[in-house]
Structures are given as structure tokens and as C-alpha cells.
Amino acid sequence: MRPGFWQVIIVVAIVAVLFGAKRIPELARSLGKAKGEFQKGLKEGEKEDERAD
């Protein structure tokens, strides 16, 4: 189930109120880096599984 347009707008507005507009880019950067590290870890795990077989 995917969130609708208005649901996304409401969540973004709540985040802006809670964290302030200045911290949103910082939070987005942190989430992007975390996502990249997670994907890197998944790829390394898959390589280890292939070597174990």
C-alpha cells in the first residue's frame, strides 16, 4: 500500500515543524548515506554467501 499525495504532504509538513526547515537537508543527507551503507552491506553479504557455496 503506497501513501497518497496528501499523506506525504502532511508528513513533510510535520517533519518541517518538528525539526525546522534548516535541519531537513541535513536529515536527508544522513538518510541517503545510511541507505548507501545499508546497500553496500547487503552486497558484501551476498558476495560472502556466494563464496560459502
C-alpha atoms as a PDB file:
ATOM      1  CA  MET A   1       0.000   0.000   0.000  1.00  0.00           C
ATOM      2  CA  ARG A   2       1.579   3.256  -1.127  1.00  0.00           C
ATOM      3  CA  PRO A   3       0.956   6.551   0.653  1.00  0.00           C
ATOM      4  CA  GLY A   4      -1.168   9.101  -1.164  1.00  0.00           C
ATOM      5  CA  PHE A   5      -0.106  12.576  -2.209  1.00  0.00           C
ATOM      6  CA  TRP A   6      -1.807  14.323   0.718  1.00  0.00           C
ATOM      7  CA  GLN A   7      -0.367  11.873   3.223  1.00  0.00           C
ATOM      8  CA  VAL A   8       3.155  12.643   2.013  1.00  0.00           C
ATOM      9  CA  ILE A   9       2.488  16.395   2.169  1.00  0.00           C
ATOM     10  CA  ILE A  10       1.195  16.092   5.750  1.00  0.00           C
ATOM     11  CA  VAL A  11       4.237  14.061   6.854  1.00  0.00           C
ATOM     12  CA  VAL A  12       6.638  16.561   5.257  1.00  0.00           C
ATOM     13  CA  ALA A  13       4.834  19.434   6.975  1.00  0.00           C
ATOM     14  CA  ILE A  14       5.042  17.690  10.367  1.00  0.00           C
ATOM     15  CA  VAL A  15       8.761  16.998   9.897  1.00  0.00           C
ATOM     16  CA  ALA A  16       9.332  20.646   8.943  1.00  0.00           C
ATOM     17  CA  VAL A  17       7.555  21.829  12.067  1.00  0.00           C
ATOM     18  CA  LEU A  18       9.340  19.395  14.372  1.00  0.00           C
ATOM     19  CA  PHE A  19      12.878  19.755  13.050  1.00  0.00           C
ATOM     20  CA  GLY A  20      12.845  23.142  11.380  1.00  0.00           C
ATOM     21  CA  ALA A  21      13.497  23.912   7.736  1.00  0.00           C
ATOM     22  CA  LYS A  22      17.250  24.303   8.254  1.00  0.00           C
ATOM     23  CA  ARG A  23      17.767  20.750   9.510  1.00  0.00           C
ATOM     24  CA  ILE A  24      15.764  18.980   6.788  1.00  0.00           C
ATOM     25  CA  PRO A  25      18.627  18.923   4.215  1.00  0.00           C
ATOM     26  CA  GLU A  26      20.944  17.595   6.921  1.00  0.00           C
ATOM     27  CA  LEU A  27      18.478  14.836   7.773  1.00  0.00           C
ATOM     28  CA  ALA A  28      18.030  13.953   4.098  1.00  0.00           C
ATOM     29  CA  ARG A  29      21.811  13.712   3.635  1.00  0.00           C
ATOM     30  CA  SER A  30      22.089  11.433   6.668  1.00  0.00           C
ATOM     31  CA  LEU A  31      19.314   9.184   5.389  1.00  0.00           C
ATOM     32  CA  GLY A  32      20.974   8.991   1.962  1.00  0.00           C
ATOM     33  CA  LYS A  33      24.307   7.999   3.485  1.00  0.00           C
ATOM     34  CA  ALA A  34      22.635   5.400   5.705  1.00  0.00           C
ATOM     35  CA  LYS A  35      20.814   3.928   2.702  1.00  0.00           C
ATOM     36  CA  GLY A  36      24.084   3.707   0.753  1.00  0.00           C
ATOM     37  CA  GLU A  37      25.870   1.981   3.627  1.00  0.00           C
ATOM     38  CA  PHE A  38      22.986  -0.464   4.017  1.00  0.00           C
ATOM     39  CA  GLN A  39      23.038  -1.359   0.324  1.00  0.00           C
ATOM     40  CA  LYS A  40      26.827  -1.745   0.447  1.00  0.00           C
ATOM     41  CA  GLY A  41      26.461  -4.142   3.380  1.00  0.00           C
ATOM     42  CA  LEU A  42      23.843  -6.161   1.516  1.00  0.00           C
ATOM     43  CA  LYS A  43      26.131  -6.541  -1.497  1.00  0.00           C
ATOM     44  CA  GLU A  44      29.035  -7.637   0.719  1.00  0.00           C
ATOM     45  CA  GLY A  45      26.778 -10.162   2.434  1.00  0.00           C
ATOM     46  CA  GLU A  46      25.690 -11.594  -0.916  1.00  0.00           C
ATOM     47  CA  LYS A  47      29.321 -11.969  -2.011  1.00  0.00           C
ATOM     48  CA  GLU A  48      30.145 -13.829   1.205  1.00  0.00           C
ATOM     49  CA  ASP A  49      27.179 -16.149   0.661  1.00  0.00           C
ATOM     50  CA  GLU A  50      28.353 -16.908  -2.880  1.00  0.00           C
ATOM     51  CA  ARG A  51      31.856 -17.753  -1.628  1.00  0.00           C
ATOM     52  CA  ALA A  52      30.439 -20.038   1.072  1.00  0.00           C
ATOM     53  CA  ASP A  53      28.572 -22.146  -1.515  1.00  0.00           C
END
